[in-house]
Structure formats: structure tokens, C-alpha cells
Amino acid sequence: MGVGVNSIGSHVEELVRLCNAQFNTPPFRRLLGATFTEERVQQYSIQMAYYVQTARLLGYVQGSAPFEIKETDWQHEEDELIGEKKRR
């Protein structure tokens, strides 16, 4: 059976809610409340470049890892990937 339009809409609404809620977390509040001097912008840009490079490699590493490693990684990242257990 296919997924109905209402079901897709509710998933989109939940995704938007979760994304917006992320901006209310302490790390995001700290980042968004920071004063960005020219030096801080440069540092932030450099760190984002490293983050993007690492994020691209992470998918390859996870995909080519043996199942036991994938299972360990899943256990470590589960809260981040599907939401904290205490919120379910």
C-alpha cells in the first residue's frame, strides 16, 4: 500500500518541528548568540570546511564497515539518529 498524502504531510510537519526545535538547544543558542568578529567568522568557516569533508567520508566509512561495526555505531548514534529515548 502507498503512503497517503496526509501521512506524508504529518511526516513533513514533524521534520519541520524537529528542525526548528534544534534551534532552541543550548549549543545553537550559544552559536546564534555569539558575536561574530572577522576572526571568528574565519575560524567558523575553517571548522565548517573540516566538518563537511568529514561528513562526506562518514557515509562511505559506515557503508563499507563490517556489520559488527555498523551495529556498534548504531548503538552509539541511536539517540541522535532517531531521537532521544526519553522523548519517545
N, C-alpha and C. Protein backbone atom coordinates (compact mmCIF):
# COMPACT_ATOMS: atom_id res chain seq x y z
N MET A 1 0.83 -1.19 0.00
CA MET A 1 0.00 0.00 0.00
C MET A 1 0.86 1.24 0.00
N GLY A 2 0.41 2.25 -0.68
CA GLY A 2 1.15 3.51 -0.72
C GLY A 2 0.89 4.35 0.52
N VAL A 3 1.74 5.32 0.68
CA VAL A 3 1.60 6.25 1.78
C VAL A 3 0.68 7.38 1.33
N GLY A 4 -0.31 7.70 2.14
CA GLY A 4 -1.25 8.76 1.78
C GLY A 4 -0.64 10.14 1.92
N VAL A 5 -1.28 11.09 1.25
CA VAL A 5 -0.82 12.48 1.29
C VAL A 5 -0.84 13.01 2.72
N ASN A 6 -1.86 12.69 3.48
CA ASN A 6 -1.94 13.15 4.87
C ASN A 6 -0.79 12.60 5.70
N SER A 7 -0.43 11.36 5.44
CA SER A 7 0.67 10.74 6.17
C SER A 7 1.98 11.45 5.85
N ILE A 8 2.21 11.76 4.59
CA ILE A 8 3.41 12.48 4.19
C ILE A 8 3.43 13.86 4.82
N GLY A 9 2.28 14.53 4.80
CA GLY A 9 2.18 15.85 5.41
C GLY A 9 2.52 15.83 6.88
N SER A 10 2.07 14.81 7.59
CA SER A 10 2.37 14.73 9.03
C SER A 10 3.85 14.47 9.25
N HIS A 11 4.48 13.71 8.37
CA HIS A 11 5.93 13.47 8.49
C HIS A 11 6.71 14.76 8.22
N VAL A 12 6.27 15.51 7.24
CA VAL A 12 6.93 16.78 6.93
C VAL A 12 6.77 17.74 8.11
N GLU A 13 5.57 17.81 8.67
CA GLU A 13 5.34 18.68 9.83
C GLU A 13 6.23 18.29 11.00
N GLU A 14 6.37 17.00 11.24
CA GLU A 14 7.23 16.53 12.34
C GLU A 14 8.69 16.87 12.07
N LEU A 15 9.13 16.71 10.83
CA LEU A 15 10.50 17.05 10.46
C LEU A 15 10.76 18.54 10.67
N VAL A 16 9.83 19.37 10.25
CA VAL A 16 9.96 20.82 10.45
C VAL A 16 9.99 21.14 11.94
N ARG A 17 9.14 20.50 12.73
CA ARG A 17 9.11 20.72 14.18
C ARG A 17 10.45 20.37 14.80
N LEU A 18 11.00 19.22 14.42
CA LEU A 18 12.29 18.78 14.97
C LEU A 18 13.42 19.73 14.57
N CYS A 19 13.41 20.16 13.31
CA CYS A 19 14.45 21.08 12.85
C CYS A 19 14.37 22.41 13.59
N ASN A 20 13.17 22.93 13.76
CA ASN A 20 13.01 24.18 14.49
C ASN A 20 13.37 24.02 15.96
N ALA A 21 13.05 22.89 16.55
CA ALA A 21 13.38 22.65 17.96
C ALA A 21 14.89 22.62 18.17
N GLN A 22 15.63 22.22 17.16
CA GLN A 22 17.08 22.18 17.27
C GLN A 22 17.64 23.57 17.58
N PHE A 23 17.01 24.59 17.07
CA PHE A 23 17.48 25.96 17.30
C PHE A 23 17.24 26.43 18.73
N ASN A 24 16.44 25.69 19.50
CA ASN A 24 16.21 26.03 20.90
C ASN A 24 17.14 25.27 21.84
N THR A 25 18.07 24.52 21.31
CA THR A 25 19.01 23.79 22.16
C THR A 25 20.13 24.72 22.61
N PRO A 26 20.73 24.45 23.78
CA PRO A 26 21.81 25.31 24.27
C PRO A 26 22.96 25.52 23.29
N PRO A 27 23.45 24.49 22.58
CA PRO A 27 24.55 24.74 21.64
C PRO A 27 24.16 25.72 20.53
N PHE A 28 22.94 25.59 20.00
CA PHE A 28 22.52 26.50 18.94
C PHE A 28 22.28 27.91 19.47
N ARG A 29 21.70 28.00 20.67
CA ARG A 29 21.51 29.33 21.26
C ARG A 29 22.85 30.02 21.47
N ARG A 30 23.83 29.24 21.92
CA ARG A 30 25.16 29.82 22.12
C ARG A 30 25.76 30.28 20.80
N LEU A 31 25.65 29.44 19.78
CA LEU A 31 26.19 29.80 18.46
C LEU A 31 25.50 31.03 17.89
N LEU A 32 24.17 31.02 17.92
CA LEU A 32 23.42 32.12 17.33
C LEU A 32 23.52 33.41 18.14
N GLY A 33 23.87 33.28 19.44
CA GLY A 33 24.03 34.46 20.27
C GLY A 33 25.44 35.02 20.28
N ALA A 34 26.35 34.32 19.62
CA ALA A 34 27.75 34.75 19.62
C ALA A 34 27.94 35.98 18.74
N THR A 35 28.90 36.80 19.15
CA THR A 35 29.28 37.93 18.32
C THR A 35 30.31 37.45 17.32
N PHE A 36 30.01 37.62 16.05
CA PHE A 36 30.90 37.13 15.01
C PHE A 36 31.80 38.25 14.52
N THR A 37 32.99 38.26 15.08
CA THR A 37 34.02 39.17 14.60
C THR A 37 34.60 38.58 13.31
N GLU A 38 35.41 39.33 12.63
CA GLU A 38 36.02 38.83 11.40
C GLU A 38 36.85 37.57 11.69
N GLU A 39 37.58 37.58 12.81
CA GLU A 39 38.39 36.42 13.17
C GLU A 39 37.52 35.20 13.46
N ARG A 40 36.41 35.38 14.17
CA ARG A 40 35.52 34.25 14.47
C ARG A 40 34.88 33.69 13.21
N VAL A 41 34.52 34.54 12.29
CA VAL A 41 33.94 34.09 11.02
C VAL A 41 34.95 33.23 10.27
N GLN A 42 36.21 33.66 10.27
CA GLN A 42 37.26 32.88 9.61
C GLN A 42 37.40 31.52 10.28
N GLN A 43 37.44 31.50 11.60
CA GLN A 43 37.58 30.23 12.33
C GLN A 43 36.38 29.32 12.08
N TYR A 44 35.19 29.89 12.12
CA TYR A 44 33.97 29.12 11.89
C TYR A 44 33.97 28.52 10.48
N SER A 45 34.38 29.30 9.50
CA SER A 45 34.42 28.82 8.11
C SER A 45 35.40 27.66 7.95
N ILE A 46 36.55 27.77 8.60
CA ILE A 46 37.54 26.69 8.53
C ILE A 46 36.99 25.42 9.17
N GLN A 47 36.36 25.56 10.35
CA GLN A 47 35.80 24.39 11.03
C GLN A 47 34.69 23.75 10.20
N MET A 48 33.86 24.55 9.55
CA MET A 48 32.79 24.01 8.72
C MET A 48 33.36 23.25 7.53
N ALA A 49 34.46 23.72 6.98
CA ALA A 49 35.09 23.01 5.87
C ALA A 49 35.53 21.62 6.30
N TYR A 50 36.15 21.53 7.49
CA TYR A 50 36.55 20.21 8.01
C TYR A 50 35.33 19.34 8.29
N TYR A 51 34.28 19.94 8.85
CA TYR A 51 33.06 19.20 9.16
C TYR A 51 32.45 18.60 7.90
N VAL A 52 32.34 19.40 6.85
CA VAL A 52 31.73 18.93 5.60
C VAL A 52 32.56 17.80 4.99
N GLN A 53 33.89 17.94 5.00
CA GLN A 53 34.74 16.87 4.47
C GLN A 53 34.56 15.59 5.26
N THR A 54 34.52 15.69 6.57
CA THR A 54 34.36 14.52 7.44
C THR A 54 32.99 13.90 7.24
N ALA A 55 31.95 14.72 7.15
CA ALA A 55 30.60 14.20 6.99
C ALA A 55 30.47 13.41 5.70
N ARG A 56 31.13 13.85 4.65
CA ARG A 56 31.07 13.12 3.37
C ARG A 56 31.75 11.77 3.49
N LEU A 57 32.85 11.70 4.20
CA LEU A 57 33.56 10.45 4.35
C LEU A 57 32.84 9.48 5.28
N LEU A 58 32.12 10.02 6.25
CA LEU A 58 31.46 9.18 7.24
C LEU A 58 30.50 8.19 6.60
N GLY A 59 29.74 8.63 5.60
CA GLY A 59 28.81 7.73 4.92
C GLY A 59 29.53 6.57 4.24
N TYR A 60 30.66 6.84 3.62
CA TYR A 60 31.43 5.79 2.97
C TYR A 60 31.97 4.81 4.01
N VAL A 61 32.53 5.35 5.08
CA VAL A 61 33.10 4.50 6.13
C VAL A 61 32.02 3.62 6.74
N GLN A 62 30.87 4.20 7.05
CA GLN A 62 29.79 3.41 7.64
C GLN A 62 29.27 2.37 6.66
N GLY A 63 29.16 2.74 5.40
CA GLY A 63 28.65 1.81 4.41
C GLY A 63 29.56 0.63 4.14
N SER A 64 30.86 0.84 4.22
CA SER A 64 31.81 -0.23 3.91
C SER A 64 32.28 -0.99 5.15
N ALA A 65 31.80 -0.59 6.32
CA ALA A 65 32.23 -1.26 7.56
C ALA A 65 31.54 -2.62 7.71
N PRO A 66 32.20 -3.55 8.42
CA PRO A 66 31.56 -4.84 8.72
C PRO A 66 30.32 -4.62 9.60
N PHE A 67 29.40 -5.59 9.56
CA PHE A 67 28.15 -5.45 10.30
C PHE A 67 28.36 -5.16 11.78
N GLU A 68 29.34 -5.80 12.41
CA GLU A 68 29.58 -5.62 13.84
C GLU A 68 29.91 -4.15 14.15
N ILE A 69 30.65 -3.51 13.25
CA ILE A 69 30.99 -2.10 13.43
C ILE A 69 29.76 -1.24 13.21
N LYS A 70 28.97 -1.59 12.21
CA LYS A 70 27.73 -0.84 11.96
C LYS A 70 26.81 -0.92 13.18
N GLU A 71 26.72 -2.10 13.77
CA GLU A 71 25.87 -2.29 14.94
C GLU A 71 26.36 -1.44 16.12
N THR A 72 27.67 -1.42 16.33
CA THR A 72 28.25 -0.62 17.41
C THR A 72 28.01 0.87 17.15
N ASP A 73 28.19 1.28 15.91
CA ASP A 73 27.97 2.68 15.54
C ASP A 73 26.51 3.05 15.74
N TRP A 74 25.59 2.16 15.34
CA TRP A 74 24.17 2.43 15.52
C TRP A 74 23.84 2.62 16.99
N GLN A 75 24.36 1.75 17.85
CA GLN A 75 24.08 1.88 19.28
C GLN A 75 24.59 3.21 19.82
N HIS A 76 25.73 3.65 19.32
CA HIS A 76 26.31 4.92 19.77
C HIS A 76 25.51 6.12 19.27
N GLU A 77 25.01 6.05 18.03
CA GLU A 77 24.35 7.18 17.40
C GLU A 77 22.82 7.13 17.46
N GLU A 78 22.27 6.08 18.05
CA GLU A 78 20.82 5.87 18.01
C GLU A 78 20.02 7.08 18.47
N ASP A 79 20.36 7.65 19.61
CA ASP A 79 19.61 8.80 20.11
C ASP A 79 19.64 9.96 19.13
N GLU A 80 20.79 10.17 18.52
CA GLU A 80 20.93 11.28 17.59
C GLU A 80 20.17 11.01 16.29
N LEU A 81 20.15 9.75 15.85
CA LEU A 81 19.55 9.42 14.57
C LEU A 81 18.02 9.33 14.62
N ILE A 82 17.46 8.83 15.72
CA ILE A 82 16.02 8.67 15.78
C ILE A 82 15.39 9.40 16.94
N GLY A 83 16.14 10.18 17.66
CA GLY A 83 15.60 10.93 18.78
C GLY A 83 15.92 10.28 20.10
N GLU A 84 16.04 11.09 21.10
CA GLU A 84 16.38 10.57 22.43
C GLU A 84 15.29 9.63 22.92
N LYS A 85 15.69 8.53 23.54
CA LYS A 85 14.74 7.53 24.00
C LYS A 85 13.76 8.12 25.02
N LYS A 86 14.24 9.03 25.85
CA LYS A 86 13.38 9.60 26.88
C LYS A 86 12.25 10.45 26.30
N ARG A 87 12.37 10.88 25.02
CA ARG A 87 11.33 11.68 24.39
C ARG A 87 10.32 10.81 23.65
N ARG A 88 10.59 9.51 23.50
CA ARG A 88 9.68 8.64 22.76
C ARG A 88 8.58 8.14 23.64
